[in-house]
Amino acid sequence: IGLWAASVWQAMGAPASIRLVELGPGRGTLMQDMLRAARALP
């Protein structure tokens, strides 16, 4: 899901500022894993 978000950001033209929003984040596990994967796209 983190890589998916990164790909969408790239398709948007890589804006300099963007919000990553999660609804009902549970224990924070999904966001934690998403942020780790997000580093794959400079």
PDB file of all heavy atoms in Angstrom:
ATOM      1  N   ILE A   1       0.842  -1.201   0.000  1.00  0.00           N
ATOM      2  CA  ILE A   1       0.000   0.000   0.000  1.00  0.00           C
ATOM      3  C   ILE A   1       0.877   1.250   0.000  1.00  0.00           C
ATOM      4  O   ILE A   1       0.556   2.255  -0.652  1.00  0.00           O
ATOM      5  CB  ILE A   1      -0.948   0.004   1.214  1.00  0.00           C
ATOM      6  CG1 ILE A   1      -1.837  -1.254   1.220  1.00  0.00           C
ATOM      7  CG2 ILE A   1      -1.824   1.258   1.183  1.00  0.00           C
ATOM      8  CD1 ILE A   1      -2.645  -1.464  -0.031  1.00  0.00           C
ATOM      9  N   GLY A   2       2.012   1.219   0.709  1.00  0.00           N
ATOM     10  CA  GLY A   2       2.936   2.339   0.694  1.00  0.00           C
ATOM     11  C   GLY A   2       3.521   2.579  -0.690  1.00  0.00           C
ATOM     12  O   GLY A   2       3.642   3.730  -1.139  1.00  0.00           O
ATOM     13  N   LEU A   3       3.865   1.510  -1.384  1.00  0.00           N
ATOM     14  CA  LEU A   3       4.377   1.639  -2.747  1.00  0.00           C
ATOM     15  C   LEU A   3       3.280   2.134  -3.691  1.00  0.00           C
ATOM     16  O   LEU A   3       3.558   2.892  -4.627  1.00  0.00           O
ATOM     17  CB  LEU A   3       4.931   0.297  -3.218  1.00  0.00           C
ATOM     18  CG  LEU A   3       6.191  -0.180  -2.481  1.00  0.00           C
ATOM     19  CD1 LEU A   3       6.561  -1.594  -2.917  1.00  0.00           C
ATOM     20  CD2 LEU A   3       7.354   0.773  -2.716  1.00  0.00           C
ATOM     21  N   TRP A   4       2.040   1.698  -3.436  1.00  0.00           N
ATOM     22  CA  TRP A   4       0.907   2.193  -4.231  1.00  0.00           C
ATOM     23  C   TRP A   4       0.786   3.709  -4.069  1.00  0.00           C
ATOM     24  O   TRP A   4       0.635   4.445  -5.051  1.00  0.00           O
ATOM     25  CB  TRP A   4      -0.375   1.502  -3.784  1.00  0.00           C
ATOM     26  CG  TRP A   4      -1.608   1.947  -4.514  1.00  0.00           C
ATOM     27  CD1 TRP A   4      -2.103   1.412  -5.664  1.00  0.00           C
ATOM     28  CD2 TRP A   4      -2.495   3.019  -4.150  1.00  0.00           C
ATOM     29  NE1 TRP A   4      -3.243   2.088  -6.043  1.00  0.00           N
ATOM     30  CE2 TRP A   4      -3.501   3.077  -5.138  1.00  0.00           C
ATOM     31  CE3 TRP A   4      -2.531   3.923  -3.101  1.00  0.00           C
ATOM     32  CZ2 TRP A   4      -4.538   4.013  -5.093  1.00  0.00           C
ATOM     33  CZ3 TRP A   4      -3.553   4.862  -3.058  1.00  0.00           C
ATOM     34  CH2 TRP A   4      -4.545   4.903  -4.044  1.00  0.00           C
ATOM     35  N   ALA A   5       0.859   4.175  -2.827  1.00  0.00           N
ATOM     36  CA  ALA A   5       0.749   5.615  -2.568  1.00  0.00           C
ATOM     37  C   ALA A   5       1.883   6.372  -3.253  1.00  0.00           C
ATOM     38  O   ALA A   5       1.673   7.459  -3.817  1.00  0.00           O
ATOM     39  CB  ALA A   5       0.756   5.875  -1.060  1.00  0.00           C
ATOM     40  N   ALA A   6       3.085   5.815  -3.207  1.00  0.00           N
ATOM     41  CA  ALA A   6       4.219   6.463  -3.858  1.00  0.00           C
ATOM     42  C   ALA A   6       4.010   6.550  -5.366  1.00  0.00           C
ATOM     43  O   ALA A   6       4.337   7.566  -5.998  1.00  0.00           O
ATOM     44  CB  ALA A   6       5.505   5.702  -3.540  1.00  0.00           C
ATOM     45  N   SER A   7       3.451   5.502  -5.954  1.00  0.00           N
ATOM     46  CA  SER A   7       3.192   5.499  -7.395  1.00  0.00           C
ATOM     47  C   SER A   7       2.135   6.532  -7.769  1.00  0.00           C
ATOM     48  O   SER A   7       2.233   7.198  -8.809  1.00  0.00           O
ATOM     49  CB  SER A   7       2.752   4.108  -7.847  1.00  0.00           C
ATOM     50  OG  SER A   7       3.781   3.155  -7.641  1.00  0.00           O
ATOM     51  N   VAL A   8       1.109   6.675  -6.920  1.00  0.00           N
ATOM     52  CA  VAL A   8       0.076   7.685  -7.171  1.00  0.00           C
ATOM     53  C   VAL A   8       0.687   9.082  -7.098  1.00  0.00           C
ATOM     54  O   VAL A   8       0.403   9.949  -7.932  1.00  0.00           O
ATOM     55  CB  VAL A   8      -1.084   7.530  -6.171  1.00  0.00           C
ATOM     56  CG1 VAL A   8      -2.066   8.687  -6.301  1.00  0.00           C
ATOM     57  CG2 VAL A   8      -1.806   6.200  -6.380  1.00  0.00           C
ATOM     58  N   TRP A   9       1.534   9.309  -6.097  1.00  0.00           N
ATOM     59  CA  TRP A   9       2.214  10.611  -5.970  1.00  0.00           C
ATOM     60  C   TRP A   9       3.022  10.921  -7.226  1.00  0.00           C
ATOM     61  O   TRP A   9       2.993  12.040  -7.737  1.00  0.00           O
ATOM     62  CB  TRP A   9       3.114  10.574  -4.743  1.00  0.00           C
ATOM     63  CG  TRP A   9       4.026  11.754  -4.582  1.00  0.00           C
ATOM     64  CD1 TRP A   9       3.684  13.007  -4.166  1.00  0.00           C
ATOM     65  CD2 TRP A   9       5.435  11.783  -4.820  1.00  0.00           C
ATOM     66  NE1 TRP A   9       4.795  13.813  -4.122  1.00  0.00           N
ATOM     67  CE2 TRP A   9       5.882  13.088  -4.525  1.00  0.00           C
ATOM     68  CE3 TRP A   9       6.365  10.834  -5.245  1.00  0.00           C
ATOM     69  CZ2 TRP A   9       7.221  13.472  -4.646  1.00  0.00           C
ATOM     70  CZ3 TRP A   9       7.694  11.203  -5.361  1.00  0.00           C
ATOM     71  CH2 TRP A   9       8.109  12.512  -5.078  1.00  0.00           C
ATOM     72  N   GLN A  10       3.711   9.922  -7.729  1.00  0.00           N
ATOM     73  CA  GLN A  10       4.502  10.108  -8.945  1.00  0.00           C
ATOM     74  C   GLN A  10       3.605  10.429 -10.136  1.00  0.00           C
ATOM     75  O   GLN A  10       3.913  11.320 -10.941  1.00  0.00           O
ATOM     76  CB  GLN A  10       5.316   8.847  -9.216  1.00  0.00           C
ATOM     77  CG  GLN A  10       6.415   9.006 -10.247  1.00  0.00           C
ATOM     78  CD  GLN A  10       7.300   7.773 -10.294  1.00  0.00           C
ATOM     79  OE1 GLN A  10       6.808   6.647 -10.340  1.00  0.00           O
ATOM     80  NE2 GLN A  10       8.611   7.985 -10.282  1.00  0.00           N
ATOM     81  N   ALA A  11       2.456   9.729 -10.238  1.00  0.00           N
ATOM     82  CA  ALA A  11       1.516   9.977 -11.338  1.00  0.00           C
ATOM     83  C   ALA A  11       0.911  11.374 -11.243  1.00  0.00           C
ATOM     84  O   ALA A  11       0.497  11.950 -12.260  1.00  0.00           O
ATOM     85  CB  ALA A  11       0.412   8.928 -11.327  1.00  0.00           C
ATOM     86  N   MET A  12       0.863  11.942 -10.029  1.00  0.00           N
ATOM     87  CA  MET A  12       0.339  13.286  -9.825  1.00  0.00           C
ATOM     88  C   MET A  12       1.340  14.362 -10.259  1.00  0.00           C
ATOM     89  O   MET A  12       1.022  15.552 -10.212  1.00  0.00           O
ATOM     90  CB  MET A  12      -0.021  13.490  -8.354  1.00  0.00           C
ATOM     91  CG  MET A  12      -1.163  12.636  -7.854  1.00  0.00           C
ATOM     92  SD  MET A  12      -1.322  12.692  -6.039  1.00  0.00           S
ATOM     93  CE  MET A  12      -1.726  14.429  -5.781  1.00  0.00           C
ATOM     94  N   GLY A  13       2.534  13.941 -10.626  1.00  0.00           N
ATOM     95  CA  GLY A  13       3.565  14.919 -10.973  1.00  0.00           C
ATOM     96  C   GLY A  13       4.513  15.200  -9.831  1.00  0.00           C
ATOM     97  O   GLY A  13       5.242  16.186  -9.856  1.00  0.00           O
ATOM     98  N   ALA A  14       4.503  14.327  -8.804  1.00  0.00           N
ATOM     99  CA  ALA A  14       5.393  14.443  -7.649  1.00  0.00           C
ATOM    100  C   ALA A  14       5.335  15.824  -6.995  1.00  0.00           C
ATOM    101  O   ALA A  14       6.335  16.546  -6.920  1.00  0.00           O
ATOM    102  CB  ALA A  14       6.832  14.105  -8.051  1.00  0.00           C
ATOM    103  N   PRO A  15       4.137  16.231  -6.496  1.00  0.00           N
ATOM    104  CA  PRO A  15       4.043  17.537  -5.826  1.00  0.00           C
ATOM    105  C   PRO A  15       4.977  17.614  -4.621  1.00  0.00           C
ATOM    106  O   PRO A  15       5.246  16.615  -3.956  1.00  0.00           O
ATOM    107  CB  PRO A  15       2.574  17.614  -5.398  1.00  0.00           C
ATOM    108  CG  PRO A  15       2.100  16.198  -5.377  1.00  0.00           C
ATOM    109  CD  PRO A  15       2.856  15.500  -6.450  1.00  0.00           C
ATOM    110  N   ALA A  16       5.477  18.825  -4.345  1.00  0.00           N
ATOM    111  CA  ALA A  16       6.457  19.012  -3.274  1.00  0.00           C
ATOM    112  C   ALA A  16       5.855  18.786  -1.895  1.00  0.00           C
ATOM    113  O   ALA A  16       6.571  18.515  -0.929  1.00  0.00           O
ATOM    114  CB  ALA A  16       7.049  20.416  -3.360  1.00  0.00           C
ATOM    115  N   SER A  17       4.534  18.908  -1.795  1.00  0.00           N
ATOM    116  CA  SER A  17       3.867  18.720  -0.508  1.00  0.00           C
ATOM    117  C   SER A  17       2.566  17.952  -0.726  1.00  0.00           C
ATOM    118  O   SER A  17       1.770  18.311  -1.595  1.00  0.00           O
ATOM    119  CB  SER A  17       3.575  20.073   0.141  1.00  0.00           C
ATOM    120  OG  SER A  17       2.859  19.909   1.356  1.00  0.00           O
ATOM    121  N   ILE A  18       2.363  16.897   0.055  1.00  0.00           N
ATOM    122  CA  ILE A  18       1.141  16.101  -0.066  1.00  0.00           C
ATOM    123  C   ILE A  18       0.813  15.472   1.282  1.00  0.00           C
ATOM    124  O   ILE A  18       1.717  15.121   2.058  1.00  0.00           O
ATOM    125  CB  ILE A  18       1.298  14.998  -1.148  1.00  0.00           C
ATOM    126  CG1 ILE A  18      -0.051  14.300  -1.389  1.00  0.00           C
ATOM    127  CG2 ILE A  18       2.388  13.996  -0.776  1.00  0.00           C
ATOM    128  CD1 ILE A  18      -0.054  13.414  -2.611  1.00  0.00           C
ATOM    129  N   ARG A  19      -0.454  15.357   1.573  1.00  0.00           N
ATOM    130  CA  ARG A  19      -0.888  14.712   2.813  1.00  0.00           C
ATOM    131  C   ARG A  19      -1.140  13.228   2.579  1.00  0.00           C
ATOM    132  O   ARG A  19      -1.808  12.852   1.614  1.00  0.00           O
ATOM    133  CB  ARG A  19      -2.162  15.365   3.342  1.00  0.00           C
ATOM    134  CG  ARG A  19      -1.960  16.768   3.877  1.00  0.00           C
ATOM    135  CD  ARG A  19      -3.165  17.270   4.649  1.00  0.00           C
ATOM    136  NE  ARG A  19      -2.884  18.557   5.295  1.00  0.00           N
ATOM    137  CZ  ARG A  19      -3.570  19.071   6.296  1.00  0.00           C
ATOM    138  NH1 ARG A  19      -4.631  18.408   6.770  1.00  0.00           N
ATOM    139  NH2 ARG A  19      -3.248  20.229   6.821  1.00  0.00           N
ATOM    140  N   LEU A  20      -0.611  12.414   3.477  1.00  0.00           N
ATOM    141  CA  LEU A  20      -0.929  10.991   3.508  1.00  0.00           C
ATOM    142  C   LEU A  20      -1.851  10.796   4.700  1.00  0.00           C
ATOM    143  O   LEU A  20      -1.444  10.954   5.849  1.00  0.00           O
ATOM    144  CB  LEU A  20       0.333  10.147   3.643  1.00  0.00           C
ATOM    145  CG  LEU A  20       0.138   8.627   3.669  1.00  0.00           C
ATOM    146  CD1 LEU A  20      -0.527   8.138   2.387  1.00  0.00           C
ATOM    147  CD2 LEU A  20       1.461   7.906   3.891  1.00  0.00           C
ATOM    148  N   VAL A  21      -3.109  10.478   4.417  1.00  0.00           N
ATOM    149  CA  VAL A  21      -4.152  10.415   5.438  1.00  0.00           C
ATOM    150  C   VAL A  21      -4.622   8.974   5.603  1.00  0.00           C
ATOM    151  O   VAL A  21      -4.871   8.281   4.616  1.00  0.00           O
ATOM    152  CB  VAL A  21      -5.357  11.300   5.044  1.00  0.00           C
ATOM    153  CG1 VAL A  21      -6.439  11.251   6.115  1.00  0.00           C
ATOM    154  CG2 VAL A  21      -4.920  12.730   4.776  1.00  0.00           C
ATOM    155  N   GLU A  22      -4.741   8.531   6.840  1.00  0.00           N
ATOM    156  CA  GLU A  22      -5.338   7.217   7.085  1.00  0.00           C
ATOM    157  C   GLU A  22      -6.569   7.375   7.966  1.00  0.00           C
ATOM    158  O   GLU A  22      -6.536   8.076   8.986  1.00  0.00           O
ATOM    159  CB  GLU A  22      -4.354   6.242   7.742  1.00  0.00           C
ATOM    160  CG  GLU A  22      -4.944   4.841   7.858  1.00  0.00           C
ATOM    161  CD  GLU A  22      -4.026   3.798   8.450  1.00  0.00           C
ATOM    162  OE1 GLU A  22      -2.868   4.143   8.782  1.00  0.00           O
ATOM    163  OE2 GLU A  22      -4.466   2.645   8.619  1.00  0.00           O
ATOM    164  N   LEU A  23      -7.643   6.713   7.577  1.00  0.00           N
ATOM    165  CA  LEU A  23      -8.882   6.712   8.347  1.00  0.00           C
ATOM    166  C   LEU A  23      -8.933   5.456   9.200  1.00  0.00           C
ATOM    167  O   LEU A  23      -8.825   4.344   8.691  1.00  0.00           O
ATOM    168  CB  LEU A  23     -10.091   6.746   7.402  1.00  0.00           C
ATOM    169  CG  LEU A  23     -10.085   7.787   6.283  1.00  0.00           C
ATOM    170  CD1 LEU A  23     -11.398   7.731   5.509  1.00  0.00           C
ATOM    171  CD2 LEU A  23      -9.828   9.183   6.830  1.00  0.00           C
ATOM    172  N   GLY A  24      -9.125   5.620  10.499  1.00  0.00           N
ATOM    173  CA  GLY A  24      -9.174   4.467  11.387  1.00  0.00           C
ATOM    174  C   GLY A  24      -7.887   3.678  11.364  1.00  0.00           C
ATOM    175  O   GLY A  24      -7.886   2.539  10.905  1.00  0.00           O
ATOM    176  N   PRO A  25      -6.776   4.247  11.878  1.00  0.00           N
ATOM    177  CA  PRO A  25      -5.455   3.632  11.698  1.00  0.00           C
ATOM    178  C   PRO A  25      -5.133   2.457  12.611  1.00  0.00           C
ATOM    179  O   PRO A  25      -3.998   1.975  12.597  1.00  0.00           O
ATOM    180  CB  PRO A  25      -4.492   4.795  11.994  1.00  0.00           C
ATOM    181  CG  PRO A  25      -5.327   6.025  12.079  1.00  0.00           C
ATOM    182  CD  PRO A  25      -6.685   5.569  12.485  1.00  0.00           C
ATOM    183  N   GLY A  26      -6.094   1.982  13.403  1.00  0.00           N
ATOM    184  CA  GLY A  26      -5.844   0.807  14.235  1.00  0.00           C
ATOM    185  C   GLY A  26      -4.710   1.027  15.207  1.00  0.00           C
ATOM    186  O   GLY A  26      -4.673   1.994  15.958  1.00  0.00           O
ATOM    187  N   ARG A  27      -3.726   0.136  15.170  1.00  0.00           N
ATOM    188  CA  ARG A  27      -2.555   0.256  16.047  1.00  0.00           C
ATOM    189  C   ARG A  27      -1.429   1.068  15.411  1.00  0.00           C
ATOM    190  O   ARG A  27      -0.359   1.195  16.004  1.00  0.00           O
ATOM    191  CB  ARG A  27      -2.026  -1.141  16.382  1.00  0.00           C
ATOM    192  CG  ARG A  27      -2.912  -1.952  17.306  1.00  0.00           C
ATOM    193  CD  ARG A  27      -2.342  -3.343  17.466  1.00  0.00           C
ATOM    194  NE  ARG A  27      -2.920  -4.058  18.585  1.00  0.00           N
ATOM    195  CZ  ARG A  27      -2.647  -5.330  18.875  1.00  0.00           C
ATOM    196  NH1 ARG A  27      -1.801  -6.012  18.111  1.00  0.00           N
ATOM    197  NH2 ARG A  27      -3.200  -5.919  19.905  1.00  0.00           N
ATOM    198  N   GLY A  28      -1.649   1.549  14.202  1.00  0.00           N
ATOM    199  CA  GLY A  28      -0.602   2.274  13.502  1.00  0.00           C
ATOM    200  C   GLY A  28       0.292   1.392  12.662  1.00  0.00           C
ATOM    201  O   GLY A  28       1.248   1.867  12.043  1.00  0.00           O
ATOM    202  N   THR A  29      -0.021   0.096  12.603  1.00  0.00           N
ATOM    203  CA  THR A  29       0.827  -0.857  11.886  1.00  0.00           C
ATOM    204  C   THR A  29       0.863  -0.578  10.390  1.00  0.00           C
ATOM    205  O   THR A  29       1.928  -0.611   9.759  1.00  0.00           O
ATOM    206  CB  THR A  29       0.331  -2.292  12.130  1.00  0.00           C
ATOM    207  OG1 THR A  29       0.251  -2.530  13.534  1.00  0.00           O
ATOM    208  CG2 THR A  29       1.270  -3.308  11.497  1.00  0.00           C
ATOM    209  N   LEU A  30      -0.311  -0.303   9.796  1.00  0.00           N
ATOM    210  CA  LEU A  30      -0.362  -0.044   8.363  1.00  0.00           C
ATOM    211  C   LEU A  30       0.456   1.195   8.013  1.00  0.00           C
ATOM    212  O   LEU A  30       1.266   1.172   7.075  1.00  0.00           O
ATOM    213  CB  LEU A  30      -1.813   0.125   7.913  1.00  0.00           C
ATOM    214  CG  LEU A  30      -2.029   0.525   6.454  1.00  0.00           C
ATOM    215  CD1 LEU A  30      -1.359  -0.450   5.501  1.00  0.00           C
ATOM    216  CD2 LEU A  30      -3.526   0.624   6.146  1.00  0.00           C
ATOM    217  N   MET A  31       0.276   2.285   8.747  1.00  0.00           N
ATOM    218  CA  MET A  31       1.029   3.506   8.456  1.00  0.00           C
ATOM    219  C   MET A  31       2.522   3.285   8.663  1.00  0.00           C
ATOM    220  O   MET A  31       3.352   3.789   7.890  1.00  0.00           O
ATOM    221  CB  MET A  31       0.531   4.651   9.330  1.00  0.00           C
ATOM    222  CG  MET A  31       1.219   5.986   9.065  1.00  0.00           C
ATOM    223  SD  MET A  31       1.078   6.570   7.351  1.00  0.00           S
ATOM    224  CE  MET A  31      -0.658   7.060   7.296  1.00  0.00           C
ATOM    225  N   GLN A  32       2.884   2.543   9.677  1.00  0.00           N
ATOM    226  CA  GLN A  32       4.287   2.236   9.938  1.00  0.00           C
ATOM    227  C   GLN A  32       4.920   1.531   8.732  1.00  0.00           C
ATOM    228  O   GLN A  32       6.015   1.905   8.280  1.00  0.00           O
ATOM    229  CB  GLN A  32       4.381   1.351  11.190  1.00  0.00           C
ATOM    230  CG  GLN A  32       5.778   1.061  11.682  1.00  0.00           C
ATOM    231  CD  GLN A  32       5.733   0.182  12.928  1.00  0.00           C
ATOM    232  OE1 GLN A  32       4.964  -0.773  13.018  1.00  0.00           O
ATOM    233  NE2 GLN A  32       6.553   0.513  13.908  1.00  0.00           N
ATOM    234  N   ASP A  33       4.240   0.525   8.203  1.00  0.00           N
ATOM    235  CA  ASP A  33       4.751  -0.219   7.051  1.00  0.00           C
ATOM    236  C   ASP A  33       4.728   0.630   5.785  1.00  0.00           C
ATOM    237  O   ASP A  33       5.633   0.537   4.942  1.00  0.00           O
ATOM    238  CB  ASP A  33       3.932  -1.494   6.850  1.00  0.00           C
ATOM    239  CG  ASP A  33       4.128  -2.503   7.973  1.00  0.00           C
ATOM    240  OD1 ASP A  33       5.155  -2.421   8.672  1.00  0.00           O
ATOM    241  OD2 ASP A  33       3.249  -3.370   8.152  1.00  0.00           O
ATOM    242  N   MET A  34       3.689   1.463   5.629  1.00  0.00           N
ATOM    243  CA  MET A  34       3.615   2.346   4.464  1.00  0.00           C
ATOM    244  C   MET A  34       4.794   3.320   4.432  1.00  0.00           C
ATOM    245  O   MET A  34       5.411   3.546   3.387  1.00  0.00           O
ATOM    246  CB  MET A  34       2.298   3.122   4.473  1.00  0.00           C
ATOM    247  CG  MET A  34       1.069   2.295   4.165  1.00  0.00           C
ATOM    248  SD  MET A  34      -0.450   3.264   4.355  1.00  0.00           S
ATOM    249  CE  MET A  34      -0.224   4.508   3.095  1.00  0.00           C
ATOM    250  N   LEU A  35       5.111   3.898   5.581  1.00  0.00           N
ATOM    251  CA  LEU A  35       6.194   4.876   5.637  1.00  0.00           C
ATOM    252  C   LEU A  35       7.543   4.234   5.359  1.00  0.00           C
ATOM    253  O   LEU A  35       8.420   4.849   4.735  1.00  0.00           O
ATOM    254  CB  LEU A  35       6.197   5.568   7.002  1.00  0.00           C
ATOM    255  CG  LEU A  35       5.016   6.496   7.279  1.00  0.00           C
ATOM    256  CD1 LEU A  35       5.059   7.008   8.715  1.00  0.00           C
ATOM    257  CD2 LEU A  35       5.000   7.660   6.298  1.00  0.00           C
ATOM    258  N   ARG A  36       7.723   3.009   5.816  1.00  0.00           N
ATOM    259  CA  ARG A  36       8.976   2.310   5.525  1.00  0.00           C
ATOM    260  C   ARG A  36       9.128   2.092   4.024  1.00  0.00           C
ATOM    261  O   ARG A  36      10.194   2.322   3.449  1.00  0.00           O
ATOM    262  CB  ARG A  36       9.015   0.976   6.265  1.00  0.00           C
ATOM    263  CG  ARG A  36      10.337   0.232   6.104  1.00  0.00           C
ATOM    264  CD  ARG A  36      10.432  -0.969   7.022  1.00  0.00           C
ATOM    265  NE  ARG A  36       9.394  -1.944   6.753  1.00  0.00           N
ATOM    266  CZ  ARG A  36       8.356  -2.174   7.568  1.00  0.00           C
ATOM    267  NH1 ARG A  36       8.216  -1.484   8.677  1.00  0.00           N
ATOM    268  NH2 ARG A  36       7.452  -3.083   7.260  1.00  0.00           N
ATOM    269  N   ALA A  37       8.043   1.666   3.382  1.00  0.00           N
ATOM    270  CA  ALA A  37       8.094   1.425   1.937  1.00  0.00           C
ATOM    271  C   ALA A  37       8.197   2.722   1.145  1.00  0.00           C
ATOM    272  O   ALA A  37       8.732   2.733   0.035  1.00  0.00           O
ATOM    273  CB  ALA A  37       6.849   0.644   1.503  1.00  0.00           C
ATOM    274  N   ALA A  38       7.684   3.819   1.711  1.00  0.00           N
ATOM    275  CA  ALA A  38       7.677   5.101   1.000  1.00  0.00           C
ATOM    276  C   ALA A  38       9.077   5.587   0.655  1.00  0.00           C
ATOM    277  O   ALA A  38       9.263   6.362  -0.291  1.00  0.00           O
ATOM    278  CB  ALA A  38       6.960   6.155   1.839  1.00  0.00           C
ATOM    279  N   ARG A  39      10.058   5.130   1.403  1.00  0.00           N
ATOM    280  CA  ARG A  39      11.424   5.575   1.161  1.00  0.00           C
ATOM    281  C   ARG A  39      11.985   5.007  -0.141  1.00  0.00           C
ATOM    282  O   ARG A  39      13.042   5.461  -0.608  1.00  0.00           O
ATOM    283  CB  ARG A  39      12.319   5.168   2.332  1.00  0.00           C
ATOM    284  CG  ARG A  39      11.884   5.795   3.652  1.00  0.00           C
ATOM    285  CD  ARG A  39      12.862   5.490   4.781  1.00  0.00           C
ATOM    286  NE  ARG A  39      12.377   6.015   6.053  1.00  0.00           N
ATOM    287  CZ  ARG A  39      12.495   7.272   6.441  1.00  0.00           C
ATOM    288  NH1 ARG A  39      13.081   8.149   5.651  1.00  0.00           N
ATOM    289  NH2 ARG A  39      12.036   7.664   7.628  1.00  0.00           N
ATOM    290  N   ALA A  40      11.310   4.038  -0.733  1.00  0.00           N
ATOM    291  CA  ALA A  40      11.812   3.422  -1.966  1.00  0.00           C
ATOM    292  C   ALA A  40      11.763   4.375  -3.150  1.00  0.00           C
ATOM    293  O   ALA A  40      12.513   4.200  -4.118  1.00  0.00           O
ATOM    294  CB  ALA A  40      11.013   2.156  -2.283  1.00  0.00           C
ATOM    295  N   LEU A  41      10.882   5.374  -3.101  1.00  0.00           N
ATOM    296  CA  LEU A  41      10.767   6.330  -4.206  1.00  0.00           C
ATOM    297  C   LEU A  41      11.362   7.666  -3.759  1.00  0.00           C
ATOM    298  O   LEU A  41      10.804   8.328  -2.879  1.00  0.00           O
ATOM    299  CB  LEU A  41       9.309   6.510  -4.615  1.00  0.00           C
ATOM    300  CG  LEU A  41       9.071   7.313  -5.896  1.00  0.00           C
ATOM    301  CD1 LEU A  41       9.718   6.632  -7.095  1.00  0.00           C
ATOM    302  CD2 LEU A  41       7.574   7.480  -6.150  1.00  0.00           C
ATOM    303  N   PRO A  42      12.495   8.061  -4.325  1.00  0.00           N
ATOM    304  CA  PRO A  42      13.160   9.293  -3.885  1.00  0.00           C
ATOM    305  C   PRO A  42      12.221  10.499  -3.919  1.00  0.00           C
ATOM    306  O   PRO A  42      11.500  10.715  -4.881  1.00  0.00           O
ATOM    307  CB  PRO A  42      14.295   9.451  -4.911  1.00  0.00           C
ATOM    308  CG  PRO A  42      14.574   8.055  -5.379  1.00  0.00           C
ATOM    309  CD  PRO A  42      13.234   7.374  -5.395  1.00  0.00           C
TER     310      PRO A  42
END
